[in-house]
Amino acid sequence: FITVFNPFKMGALLIVKLLLPFALVSLVFGIINKMLHVNTTGSFYVVLLATDVMALNFFFLVKDSGSWLEIGTSISHFCGTNGFILMHIALFALSEFILRKNLTFGTKKHHE
């Protein structure tokens, strides 16, 4: 695809490659919430609670002693989890923006 070394194009492609599956899952999650007539805010809080528990777990696993590799790995796991929480919030806002129209699922339209 890219034959010449271009770090900016390669970085942009990497970001798109990583964010596209998350965006698709977020959209499908929003569509399922709309189809089942579930409160989207409540289901968002459930997902956010799960990621907060994961971040709290990594917070307690942060090391301040040992090798530099262990310290850096524990801190990067915690920072990555917090970044994941921010990405969840952004993707939820994106899916709400895309699905902002009043979608109706499972209702038949009668022609008169």
PDB file of N, CA and C in Angstrom:
ATOM      1  N   PHE A   1       0.837  -1.182   0.000  1.00  0.00           N
ATOM      2  CA  PHE A   1       0.000   0.000   0.000  1.00  0.00           C
ATOM      3  C   PHE A   1       0.881   1.243   0.000  1.00  0.00           C
ATOM      4  N   ILE A   2       1.764   1.374   0.970  1.00  0.00           N
ATOM      5  CA  ILE A   2       2.716   2.485   0.993  1.00  0.00           C
ATOM      6  C   ILE A   2       4.107   1.886   0.822  1.00  0.00           C
ATOM      7  N   THR A   3       4.749   2.234  -0.298  1.00  0.00           N
ATOM      8  CA  THR A   3       6.059   1.651  -0.586  1.00  0.00           C
ATOM      9  C   THR A   3       7.205   2.527  -0.111  1.00  0.00           C
ATOM     10  N   VAL A   4       6.947   3.817   0.100  1.00  0.00           N
ATOM     11  CA  VAL A   4       7.972   4.746   0.546  1.00  0.00           C
ATOM     12  C   VAL A   4       7.735   5.059   2.024  1.00  0.00           C
ATOM     13  N   PHE A   5       8.814   5.136   2.800  1.00  0.00           N
ATOM     14  CA  PHE A   5       8.690   5.425   4.224  1.00  0.00           C
ATOM     15  C   PHE A   5       8.156   6.838   4.420  1.00  0.00           C
ATOM     16  N   ASN A   6       6.951   6.933   4.952  1.00  0.00           N
ATOM     17  CA  ASN A   6       6.325   8.211   5.261  1.00  0.00           C
ATOM     18  C   ASN A   6       5.654   8.057   6.623  1.00  0.00           C
ATOM     19  N   PRO A   7       6.295   8.527   7.694  1.00  0.00           N
ATOM     20  CA  PRO A   7       5.772   8.258   9.039  1.00  0.00           C
ATOM     21  C   PRO A   7       4.400   8.869   9.314  1.00  0.00           C
ATOM     22  N   PHE A   8       4.086  10.001   8.688  1.00  0.00           N
ATOM     23  CA  PHE A   8       2.795  10.625   8.962  1.00  0.00           C
ATOM     24  C   PHE A   8       1.654   9.842   8.335  1.00  0.00           C
ATOM     25  N   LYS A   9       1.837   9.386   7.097  1.00  0.00           N
ATOM     26  CA  LYS A   9       0.812   8.557   6.467  1.00  0.00           C
ATOM     27  C   LYS A   9       0.681   7.223   7.176  1.00  0.00           C
ATOM     28  N   MET A  10       1.802   6.648   7.566  1.00  0.00           N
ATOM     29  CA  MET A  10       1.774   5.356   8.250  1.00  0.00           C
ATOM     30  C   MET A  10       1.112   5.486   9.623  1.00  0.00           C
ATOM     31  N   GLY A  11       1.388   6.578  10.315  1.00  0.00           N
ATOM     32  CA  GLY A  11       0.755   6.810  11.610  1.00  0.00           C
ATOM     33  C   GLY A  11      -0.741   7.033  11.477  1.00  0.00           C
ATOM     34  N   ALA A  12      -1.145   7.791  10.451  1.00  0.00           N
ATOM     35  CA  ALA A  12      -2.574   8.026  10.233  1.00  0.00           C
ATOM     36  C   ALA A  12      -3.285   6.724   9.894  1.00  0.00           C
ATOM     37  N   LEU A  13      -2.672   5.898   9.057  1.00  0.00           N
ATOM     38  CA  LEU A  13      -3.277   4.612   8.718  1.00  0.00           C
ATOM     39  C   LEU A  13      -3.372   3.702   9.938  1.00  0.00           C
ATOM     40  N   LEU A  14      -2.376   3.744  10.801  1.00  0.00           N
ATOM     41  CA  LEU A  14      -2.398   2.937  12.010  1.00  0.00           C
ATOM     42  C   LEU A  14      -3.512   3.382  12.944  1.00  0.00           C
ATOM     43  N   ILE A  15      -3.695   4.671  13.085  1.00  0.00           N
ATOM     44  CA  ILE A  15      -4.765   5.185  13.943  1.00  0.00           C
ATOM     45  C   ILE A  15      -6.134   4.805  13.386  1.00  0.00           C
ATOM     46  N   VAL A  16      -6.306   4.940  12.072  1.00  0.00           N
ATOM     47  CA  VAL A  16      -7.572   4.544  11.450  1.00  0.00           C
ATOM     48  C   VAL A  16      -7.804   3.048  11.631  1.00  0.00           C
ATOM     49  N   LYS A  17      -6.749   2.263  11.455  1.00  0.00           N
ATOM     50  CA  LYS A  17      -6.856   0.809  11.608  1.00  0.00           C
ATOM     51  C   LYS A  17      -7.244   0.422  13.031  1.00  0.00           C
ATOM     52  N   LEU A  18      -6.791   1.161  14.012  1.00  0.00           N
ATOM     53  CA  LEU A  18      -7.129   0.859  15.397  1.00  0.00           C
ATOM     54  C   LEU A  18      -8.506   1.386  15.805  1.00  0.00           C
ATOM     55  N   LEU A  19      -8.884   2.554  15.307  1.00  0.00           N
ATOM     56  CA  LEU A  19     -10.138   3.164  15.742  1.00  0.00           C
ATOM     57  C   LEU A  19     -11.360   2.671  14.982  1.00  0.00           C
ATOM     58  N   LEU A  20     -11.188   2.185  13.757  1.00  0.00           N
ATOM     59  CA  LEU A  20     -12.329   1.757  12.960  1.00  0.00           C
ATOM     60  C   LEU A  20     -13.114   0.615  13.610  1.00  0.00           C
ATOM     61  N   PRO A  21     -12.474  -0.447  14.104  1.00  0.00           N
ATOM     62  CA  PRO A  21     -13.276  -1.488  14.770  1.00  0.00           C
ATOM     63  C   PRO A  21     -14.014  -0.987  16.009  1.00  0.00           C
ATOM     64  N   PHE A  22     -13.387  -0.114  16.786  1.00  0.00           N
ATOM     65  CA  PHE A  22     -14.060   0.430  17.964  1.00  0.00           C
ATOM     66  C   PHE A  22     -15.258   1.288  17.566  1.00  0.00           C
ATOM     67  N   ALA A  23     -15.114   2.074  16.500  1.00  0.00           N
ATOM     68  CA  ALA A  23     -16.223   2.903  16.034  1.00  0.00           C
ATOM     69  C   ALA A  23     -17.372   2.031  15.537  1.00  0.00           C
ATOM     70  N   LEU A  24     -17.056   0.967  14.818  1.00  0.00           N
ATOM     71  CA  LEU A  24     -18.114   0.073  14.333  1.00  0.00           C
ATOM     72  C   LEU A  24     -18.835  -0.616  15.489  1.00  0.00           C
ATOM     73  N   VAL A  25     -18.099  -1.056  16.489  1.00  0.00           N
ATOM     74  CA  VAL A  25     -18.731  -1.691  17.652  1.00  0.00           C
ATOM     75  C   VAL A  25     -19.603  -0.682  18.390  1.00  0.00           C
ATOM     76  N   SER A  26     -19.149   0.561  18.474  1.00  0.00           N
ATOM     77  CA  SER A  26     -19.930   1.592  19.139  1.00  0.00           C
ATOM     78  C   SER A  26     -21.232   1.863  18.380  1.00  0.00           C
ATOM     79  N   LEU A  27     -21.154   1.900  17.054  1.00  0.00           N
ATOM     80  CA  LEU A  27     -22.364   2.113  16.261  1.00  0.00           C
ATOM     81  C   LEU A  27     -23.335   0.941  16.400  1.00  0.00           C
ATOM     82  N   VAL A  28     -22.823  -0.278  16.363  1.00  0.00           N
ATOM     83  CA  VAL A  28     -23.690  -1.442  16.517  1.00  0.00           C
ATOM     84  C   VAL A  28     -24.316  -1.450  17.908  1.00  0.00           C
ATOM     85  N   PHE A  29     -23.548  -1.078  18.913  1.00  0.00           N
ATOM     86  CA  PHE A  29     -24.079  -0.980  20.268  1.00  0.00           C
ATOM     87  C   PHE A  29     -25.215   0.040  20.331  1.00  0.00           C
ATOM     88  N   GLY A  30     -25.028   1.186  19.670  1.00  0.00           N
ATOM     89  CA  GLY A  30     -26.081   2.200  19.632  1.00  0.00           C
ATOM     90  C   GLY A  30     -27.310   1.726  18.884  1.00  0.00           C
ATOM     91  N   ILE A  31     -27.119   0.998  17.783  1.00  0.00           N
ATOM     92  CA  ILE A  31     -28.252   0.483  17.012  1.00  0.00           C
ATOM     93  C   ILE A  31     -29.016  -0.557  17.823  1.00  0.00           C
ATOM     94  N   ILE A  32     -28.292  -1.443  18.508  1.00  0.00           N
ATOM     95  CA  ILE A  32     -28.963  -2.449  19.344  1.00  0.00           C
ATOM     96  C   ILE A  32     -29.751  -1.773  20.464  1.00  0.00           C
ATOM     97  N   ASN A  33     -29.195  -0.726  21.056  1.00  0.00           N
ATOM     98  CA  ASN A  33     -29.930   0.012  22.094  1.00  0.00           C
ATOM     99  C   ASN A  33     -31.195   0.629  21.532  1.00  0.00           C
ATOM    100  N   LYS A  34     -31.109   1.156  20.311  1.00  0.00           N
ATOM    101  CA  LYS A  34     -32.300   1.764  19.695  1.00  0.00           C
ATOM    102  C   LYS A  34     -33.329   0.698  19.344  1.00  0.00           C
ATOM    103  N   MET A  35     -32.857  -0.462  18.852  1.00  0.00           N
ATOM    104  CA  MET A  35     -33.793  -1.528  18.482  1.00  0.00           C
ATOM    105  C   MET A  35     -34.534  -2.088  19.686  1.00  0.00           C
ATOM    106  N   LEU A  36     -33.831  -2.243  20.796  1.00  0.00           N
ATOM    107  CA  LEU A  36     -34.435  -2.810  22.003  1.00  0.00           C
ATOM    108  C   LEU A  36     -35.090  -1.754  22.887  1.00  0.00           C
ATOM    109  N   HIS A  37     -35.034  -0.499  22.461  1.00  0.00           N
ATOM    110  CA  HIS A  37     -35.601   0.627  23.211  1.00  0.00           C
ATOM    111  C   HIS A  37     -35.035   0.690  24.628  1.00  0.00           C
ATOM    112  N   VAL A  38     -33.726   0.538  24.716  1.00  0.00           N
ATOM    113  CA  VAL A  38     -33.019   0.596  25.991  1.00  0.00           C
ATOM    114  C   VAL A  38     -32.500   2.012  26.189  1.00  0.00           C
ATOM    115  N   ASN A  39     -32.469   2.444  27.412  1.00  0.00           N
ATOM    116  CA  ASN A  39     -31.919   3.761  27.726  1.00  0.00           C
ATOM    117  C   ASN A  39     -30.419   3.758  27.409  1.00  0.00           C
ATOM    118  N   THR A  40     -30.001   4.557  26.447  1.00  0.00           N
ATOM    119  CA  THR A  40     -28.603   4.534  26.023  1.00  0.00           C
ATOM    120  C   THR A  40     -27.667   5.064  27.100  1.00  0.00           C
ATOM    121  N   THR A  41     -28.123   6.008  27.874  1.00  0.00           N
ATOM    122  CA  THR A  41     -27.277   6.553  28.925  1.00  0.00           C
ATOM    123  C   THR A  41     -27.000   5.511  29.999  1.00  0.00           C
ATOM    124  N   GLY A  42     -28.010   4.744  30.353  1.00  0.00           N
ATOM    125  CA  GLY A  42     -27.824   3.704  31.364  1.00  0.00           C
ATOM    126  C   GLY A  42     -26.873   2.616  30.896  1.00  0.00           C
ATOM    127  N   SER A  43     -27.008   2.190  29.647  1.00  0.00           N
ATOM    128  CA  SER A  43     -26.101   1.159  29.143  1.00  0.00           C
ATOM    129  C   SER A  43     -24.685   1.710  28.985  1.00  0.00           C
ATOM    130  N   PHE A  44     -24.564   2.994  28.669  1.00  0.00           N
ATOM    131  CA  PHE A  44     -23.250   3.622  28.597  1.00  0.00           C
ATOM    132  C   PHE A  44     -22.584   3.627  29.972  1.00  0.00           C
ATOM    133  N   TYR A  45     -23.371   3.912  31.010  1.00  0.00           N
ATOM    134  CA  TYR A  45     -22.811   3.913  32.359  1.00  0.00           C
ATOM    135  C   TYR A  45     -22.360   2.522  32.801  1.00  0.00           C
ATOM    136  N   VAL A  46     -23.045   1.487  32.334  1.00  0.00           N
ATOM    137  CA  VAL A  46     -22.635   0.123  32.662  1.00  0.00           C
ATOM    138  C   VAL A  46     -21.275  -0.175  32.033  1.00  0.00           C
ATOM    139  N   VAL A  47     -21.107   0.201  30.766  1.00  0.00           N
ATOM    140  CA  VAL A  47     -19.825  -0.013  30.087  1.00  0.00           C
ATOM    141  C   VAL A  47     -18.737   0.835  30.745  1.00  0.00           C
ATOM    142  N   LEU A  48     -19.071   2.068  31.086  1.00  0.00           N
ATOM    143  CA  LEU A  48     -18.106   2.946  31.740  1.00  0.00           C
ATOM    144  C   LEU A  48     -17.720   2.427  33.121  1.00  0.00           C
ATOM    145  N   LEU A  49     -18.662   1.843  33.823  1.00  0.00           N
ATOM    146  CA  LEU A  49     -18.358   1.259  35.130  1.00  0.00           C
ATOM    147  C   LEU A  49     -17.374   0.103  34.988  1.00  0.00           C
ATOM    148  N   ALA A  50     -17.557  -0.726  33.974  1.00  0.00           N
ATOM    149  CA  ALA A  50     -16.642  -1.850  33.764  1.00  0.00           C
ATOM    150  C   ALA A  50     -15.234  -1.363  33.451  1.00  0.00           C
ATOM    151  N   THR A  51     -15.108  -0.336  32.625  1.00  0.00           N
ATOM    152  CA  THR A  51     -13.774   0.181  32.311  1.00  0.00           C
ATOM    153  C   THR A  51     -13.169   0.919  33.505  1.00  0.00           C
ATOM    154  N   ASP A  52     -13.999   1.544  34.331  1.00  0.00           N
ATOM    155  CA  ASP A  52     -13.475   2.185  35.537  1.00  0.00           C
ATOM    156  C   ASP A  52     -12.942   1.154  36.530  1.00  0.00           C
ATOM    157  N   VAL A  53     -13.619   0.021  36.636  1.00  0.00           N
ATOM    158  CA  VAL A  53     -13.124  -1.048  37.511  1.00  0.00           C
ATOM    159  C   VAL A  53     -11.788  -1.563  36.989  1.00  0.00           C
ATOM    160  N   MET A  54     -11.676  -1.693  35.656  1.00  0.00           N
ATOM    161  CA  MET A  54     -10.417  -2.137  35.067  1.00  0.00           C
ATOM    162  C   MET A  54      -9.305  -1.112  35.325  1.00  0.00           C
ATOM    163  N   ALA A  55      -9.623   0.172  35.208  1.00  0.00           N
ATOM    164  CA  ALA A  55      -8.626   1.213  35.477  1.00  0.00           C
ATOM    165  C   ALA A  55      -8.222   1.222  36.948  1.00  0.00           C
ATOM    166  N   LEU A  56      -9.180   1.005  37.834  1.00  0.00           N
ATOM    167  CA  LEU A  56      -8.867   0.946  39.262  1.00  0.00           C
ATOM    168  C   LEU A  56      -7.955  -0.239  39.572  1.00  0.00           C
ATOM    169  N   ASN A  57      -8.195  -1.354  38.894  1.00  0.00           N
ATOM    170  CA  ASN A  57      -7.337  -2.524  39.054  1.00  0.00           C
ATOM    171  C   ASN A  57      -5.906  -2.201  38.631  1.00  0.00           C
ATOM    172  N   PHE A  58      -5.746  -1.566  37.469  1.00  0.00           N
ATOM    173  CA  PHE A  58      -4.403  -1.216  37.012  1.00  0.00           C
ATOM    174  C   PHE A  58      -3.771  -0.136  37.891  1.00  0.00           C
ATOM    175  N   PHE A  59      -4.592   0.732  38.500  1.00  0.00           N
ATOM    176  CA  PHE A  59      -4.051   1.742  39.406  1.00  0.00           C
ATOM    177  C   PHE A  59      -3.387   1.081  40.611  1.00  0.00           C
ATOM    178  N   PHE A  60      -4.037   0.058  41.148  1.00  0.00           N
ATOM    179  CA  PHE A  60      -3.457  -0.630  42.300  1.00  0.00           C
ATOM    180  C   PHE A  60      -2.286  -1.525  41.910  1.00  0.00           C
ATOM    181  N   LEU A  61      -2.123  -1.814  40.626  1.00  0.00           N
ATOM    182  CA  LEU A  61      -0.997  -2.624  40.164  1.00  0.00           C
ATOM    183  C   LEU A  61       0.206  -1.788  39.729  1.00  0.00           C
ATOM    184  N   VAL A  62       0.096  -0.445  39.802  1.00  0.00           N
ATOM    185  CA  VAL A  62       1.225   0.412  39.441  1.00  0.00           C
ATOM    186  C   VAL A  62       2.344   0.199  40.444  1.00  0.00           C
ATOM    187  N   LYS A  63       3.549  -0.024  39.919  1.00  0.00           N
ATOM    188  CA  LYS A  63       4.701  -0.307  40.763  1.00  0.00           C
ATOM    189  C   LYS A  63       5.613   0.913  40.828  1.00  0.00           C
ATOM    190  N   ASP A  64       6.218   1.131  41.978  1.00  0.00           N
ATOM    191  CA  ASP A  64       7.205   2.202  42.110  1.00  0.00           C
ATOM    192  C   ASP A  64       8.572   1.644  42.493  1.00  0.00           C
ATOM    193  N   SER A  65       8.697   0.333  42.443  1.00  0.00           N
ATOM    194  CA  SER A  65      10.000  -0.285  42.706  1.00  0.00           C
ATOM    195  C   SER A  65      10.190  -1.437  41.730  1.00  0.00           C
ATOM    196  N   GLY A  66      11.422  -1.840  41.584  1.00  0.00           N
ATOM    197  CA  GLY A  66      11.725  -2.903  40.642  1.00  0.00           C
ATOM    198  C   GLY A  66      12.462  -2.355  39.432  1.00  0.00           C
ATOM    199  N   SER A  67      12.436  -3.101  38.358  1.00  0.00           N
ATOM    200  CA  SER A  67      13.147  -2.648  37.164  1.00  0.00           C
ATOM    201  C   SER A  67      12.355  -1.535  36.471  1.00  0.00           C
ATOM    202  N   TRP A  68      13.070  -0.787  35.636  1.00  0.00           N
ATOM    203  CA  TRP A  68      12.433   0.290  34.890  1.00  0.00           C
ATOM    204  C   TRP A  68      11.360  -0.266  33.958  1.00  0.00           C
ATOM    205  N   LEU A  69      11.581  -1.470  33.440  1.00  0.00           N
ATOM    206  CA  LEU A  69      10.603  -2.096  32.556  1.00  0.00           C
ATOM    207  C   LEU A  69       9.305  -2.390  33.291  1.00  0.00           C
ATOM    208  N   GLU A  70       9.394  -2.927  34.501  1.00  0.00           N
ATOM    209  CA  GLU A  70       8.188  -3.216  35.290  1.00  0.00           C
ATOM    210  C   GLU A  70       7.446  -1.937  35.651  1.00  0.00           C
ATOM    211  N   ILE A  71       8.191  -0.914  36.051  1.00  0.00           N
ATOM    212  CA  ILE A  71       7.566   0.364  36.417  1.00  0.00           C
ATOM    213  C   ILE A  71       6.883   0.978  35.202  1.00  0.00           C
ATOM    214  N   GLY A  72       7.589   1.030  34.081  1.00  0.00           N
ATOM    215  CA  GLY A  72       7.028   1.630  32.868  1.00  0.00           C
ATOM    216  C   GLY A  72       5.841   0.851  32.332  1.00  0.00           C
ATOM    217  N   THR A  73       5.902  -0.476  32.406  1.00  0.00           N
ATOM    218  CA  THR A  73       4.791  -1.291  31.929  1.00  0.00           C
ATOM    219  C   THR A  73       3.553  -1.087  32.788  1.00  0.00           C
ATOM    220  N   SER A  74       3.724  -1.029  34.094  1.00  0.00           N
ATOM    221  CA  SER A  74       2.568  -0.838  34.965  1.00  0.00           C
ATOM    222  C   SER A  74       1.945   0.544  34.760  1.00  0.00           C
ATOM    223  N   ILE A  75       2.774   1.554  34.593  1.00  0.00           N
ATOM    224  CA  ILE A  75       2.241   2.906  34.361  1.00  0.00           C
ATOM    225  C   ILE A  75       1.565   2.991  32.993  1.00  0.00           C
ATOM    226  N   SER A  76       2.145   2.358  31.983  1.00  0.00           N
ATOM    227  CA  SER A  76       1.543   2.426  30.641  1.00  0.00           C
ATOM    228  C   SER A  76       0.225   1.655  30.587  1.00  0.00           C
ATOM    229  N   HIS A  77       0.099   0.570  31.353  1.00  0.00           N
ATOM    230  CA  HIS A  77      -1.188  -0.134  31.415  1.00  0.00           C
ATOM    231  C   HIS A  77      -2.261   0.768  32.027  1.00  0.00           C
ATOM    232  N   PHE A  78      -1.901   1.482  33.075  1.00  0.00           N
ATOM    233  CA  PHE A  78      -2.862   2.384  33.714  1.00  0.00           C
ATOM    234  C   PHE A  78      -3.239   3.538  32.786  1.00  0.00           C
ATOM    235  N   CYS A  79      -2.250   4.136  32.142  1.00  0.00           N
ATOM    236  CA  CYS A  79      -2.528   5.252  31.226  1.00  0.00           C
ATOM    237  C   CYS A  79      -3.321   4.780  30.009  1.00  0.00           C
ATOM    238  N   GLY A  80      -3.008   3.590  29.520  1.00  0.00           N
ATOM    239  CA  GLY A  80      -3.760   3.048  28.390  1.00  0.00           C
ATOM    240  C   GLY A  80      -5.212   2.796  28.732  1.00  0.00           C
ATOM    241  N   THR A  81      -5.466   2.326  29.929  1.00  0.00           N
ATOM    242  CA  THR A  81      -6.842   2.090  30.364  1.00  0.00           C
ATOM    243  C   THR A  81      -7.601   3.403  30.496  1.00  0.00           C
ATOM    244  N   ASN A  82      -6.954   4.434  31.019  1.00  0.00           N
ATOM    245  CA  ASN A  82      -7.615   5.740  31.103  1.00  0.00           C
ATOM    246  C   ASN A  82      -7.864   6.327  29.720  1.00  0.00           C
ATOM    247  N   GLY A  83      -6.939   6.109  28.796  1.00  0.00           N
ATOM    248  CA  GLY A  83      -7.175   6.538  27.411  1.00  0.00           C
ATOM    249  C   GLY A  83      -8.336   5.794  26.783  1.00  0.00           C
ATOM    250  N   PHE A  84      -8.466   4.512  27.150  1.00  0.00           N
ATOM    251  CA  PHE A  84      -9.577   3.707  26.653  1.00  0.00           C
ATOM    252  C   PHE A  84     -10.906   4.255  27.161  1.00  0.00           C
ATOM    253  N   ILE A  85     -10.935   4.735  28.399  1.00  0.00           N
ATOM    254  CA  ILE A  85     -12.157   5.335  28.950  1.00  0.00           C
ATOM    255  C   ILE A  85     -12.519   6.607  28.179  1.00  0.00           C
ATOM    256  N   LEU A  86     -11.529   7.437  27.903  1.00  0.00           N
ATOM    257  CA  LEU A  86     -11.789   8.650  27.127  1.00  0.00           C
ATOM    258  C   LEU A  86     -12.258   8.323  25.719  1.00  0.00           C
ATOM    259  N   MET A  87     -11.690   7.249  25.138  1.00  0.00           N
ATOM    260  CA  MET A  87     -12.112   6.846  23.805  1.00  0.00           C
ATOM    261  C   MET A  87     -13.556   6.342  23.834  1.00  0.00           C
ATOM    262  N   HIS A  88     -13.958   5.645  24.900  1.00  0.00           N
ATOM    263  CA  HIS A  88     -15.348   5.202  25.036  1.00  0.00           C
ATOM    264  C   HIS A  88     -16.293   6.393  25.033  1.00  0.00           C
ATOM    265  N   ILE A  89     -15.943   7.422  25.770  1.00  0.00           N
ATOM    266  CA  ILE A  89     -16.796   8.607  25.842  1.00  0.00           C
ATOM    267  C   ILE A  89     -16.906   9.270  24.476  1.00  0.00           C
ATOM    268  N   ALA A  90     -15.779   9.385  23.774  1.00  0.00           N
ATOM    269  CA  ALA A  90     -15.797  10.005  22.446  1.00  0.00           C
ATOM    270  C   ALA A  90     -16.587   9.163  21.455  1.00  0.00           C
ATOM    271  N   LEU A  91     -16.431   7.852  21.499  1.00  0.00           N
ATOM    272  CA  LEU A  91     -17.167   6.992  20.572  1.00  0.00           C
ATOM    273  C   LEU A  91     -18.650   6.962  20.888  1.00  0.00           C
ATOM    274  N   PHE A  92     -19.016   7.062  22.154  1.00  0.00           N
ATOM    275  CA  PHE A  92     -20.428   7.152  22.511  1.00  0.00           C
ATOM    276  C   PHE A  92     -21.026   8.435  21.948  1.00  0.00           C
ATOM    277  N   ALA A  93     -20.303   9.525  22.070  1.00  0.00           N
ATOM    278  CA  ALA A  93     -20.789  10.790  21.504  1.00  0.00           C
ATOM    279  C   ALA A  93     -20.891  10.700  19.980  1.00  0.00           C
ATOM    280  N   LEU A  94     -19.924  10.037  19.350  1.00  0.00           N
ATOM    281  CA  LEU A  94     -19.964   9.870  17.896  1.00  0.00           C
ATOM    282  C   LEU A  94     -21.155   9.033  17.465  1.00  0.00           C
ATOM    283  N   SER A  95     -21.411   7.933  18.161  1.00  0.00           N
ATOM    284  CA  SER A  95     -22.544   7.093  17.779  1.00  0.00           C
ATOM    285  C   SER A  95     -23.871   7.808  18.026  1.00  0.00           C
ATOM    286  N   GLU A  96     -23.956   8.576  19.096  1.00  0.00           N
ATOM    287  CA  GLU A  96     -25.177   9.351  19.336  1.00  0.00           C
ATOM    288  C   GLU A  96     -25.363  10.422  18.254  1.00  0.00           C
ATOM    289  N   PHE A  97     -24.258  11.005  17.790  1.00  0.00           N
ATOM    290  CA  PHE A  97     -24.343  12.009  16.738  1.00  0.00           C
ATOM    291  C   PHE A  97     -24.803  11.381  15.427  1.00  0.00           C
ATOM    292  N   ILE A  98     -24.268  10.212  15.100  1.00  0.00           N
ATOM    293  CA  ILE A  98     -24.628   9.551  13.844  1.00  0.00           C
ATOM    294  C   ILE A  98     -26.055   9.016  13.908  1.00  0.00           C
ATOM    295  N   LEU A  99     -26.447   8.484  15.054  1.00  0.00           N
ATOM    296  CA  LEU A  99     -27.776   7.897  15.200  1.00  0.00           C
ATOM    297  C   LEU A  99     -28.771   8.862  15.824  1.00  0.00           C
ATOM    298  N   ARG A 100     -28.555  10.151  15.678  1.00  0.00           N
ATOM    299  CA  ARG A 100     -29.403  11.133  16.353  1.00  0.00           C
ATOM    300  C   ARG A 100     -30.810  11.186  15.787  1.00  0.00           C
ATOM    301  N   LYS A 101     -30.990  10.724  14.557  1.00  0.00           N
ATOM    302  CA  LYS A 101     -32.331  10.714  13.995  1.00  0.00           C
ATOM    303  C   LYS A 101     -33.162   9.663  14.709  1.00  0.00           C
ATOM    304  N   ASN A 102     -34.427   9.871  14.721  1.00  0.00           N
ATOM    305  CA  ASN A 102     -35.326   8.957  15.408  1.00  0.00           C
ATOM    306  C   ASN A 102     -35.502   7.717  14.550  1.00  0.00           C
ATOM    307  N   LEU A 103     -34.746   6.667  14.858  1.00  0.00           N
ATOM    308  CA  LEU A 103     -34.823   5.432  14.104  1.00  0.00           C
ATOM    309  C   LEU A 103     -35.941   4.565  14.668  1.00  0.00           C
ATOM    310  N   THR A 104     -36.692   3.955  13.782  1.00  0.00           N
ATOM    311  CA  THR A 104     -37.735   3.047  14.216  1.00  0.00           C
ATOM    312  C   THR A 104     -37.405   1.666  13.689  1.00  0.00           C
ATOM    313  N   PHE A 105     -37.352   0.712  14.570  1.00  0.00           N
ATOM    314  CA  PHE A 105     -37.063  -0.659  14.214  1.00  0.00           C
ATOM    315  C   PHE A 105     -38.226  -1.534  14.649  1.00  0.00           C
ATOM    316  N   GLY A 106     -38.556  -2.496  13.824  1.00  0.00           N
ATOM    317  CA  GLY A 106     -39.549  -3.488  14.204  1.00  0.00           C
ATOM    318  C   GLY A 106     -40.977  -3.022  14.088  1.00  0.00           C
ATOM    319  N   THR A 107     -41.238  -1.881  13.461  1.00  0.00           N
ATOM    320  CA  THR A 107     -42.602  -1.424  13.267  1.00  0.00           C
ATOM    321  C   THR A 107     -42.912  -1.483  11.785  1.00  0.00           C
ATOM    322  N   LYS A 108     -44.090  -1.972  11.480  1.00  0.00           N
ATOM    323  CA  LYS A 108     -44.521  -2.054  10.081  1.00  0.00           C
ATOM    324  C   LYS A 108     -45.261  -0.788   9.719  1.00  0.00           C
ATOM    325  N   LYS A 109     -44.978  -0.308   8.545  1.00  0.00           N
ATOM    326  CA  LYS A 109     -45.672   0.881   8.063  1.00  0.00           C
ATOM    327  C   LYS A 109     -46.854   0.420   7.212  1.00  0.00           C
ATOM    328  N   HIS A 110     -48.016   0.948   7.498  1.00  0.00           N
ATOM    329  CA  HIS A 110     -49.215   0.603   6.745  1.00  0.00           C
ATOM    330  C   HIS A 110     -49.430   1.648   5.676  1.00  0.00           C
ATOM    331  N   HIS A 111     -49.651   1.167   4.460  1.00  0.00           N
ATOM    332  CA  HIS A 111     -49.906   2.080   3.349  1.00  0.00           C
ATOM    333  C   HIS A 111     -51.399   2.323   3.249  1.00  0.00           C
ATOM    334  N   GLU A 112     -51.776   3.551   3.133  1.00  0.00           N
ATOM    335  CA  GLU A 112     -53.188   3.900   3.038  1.00  0.00           C
ATOM    336  C   GLU A 112     -53.526   4.415   1.671  1.00  0.00           C
TER     337      GLU A 112
END
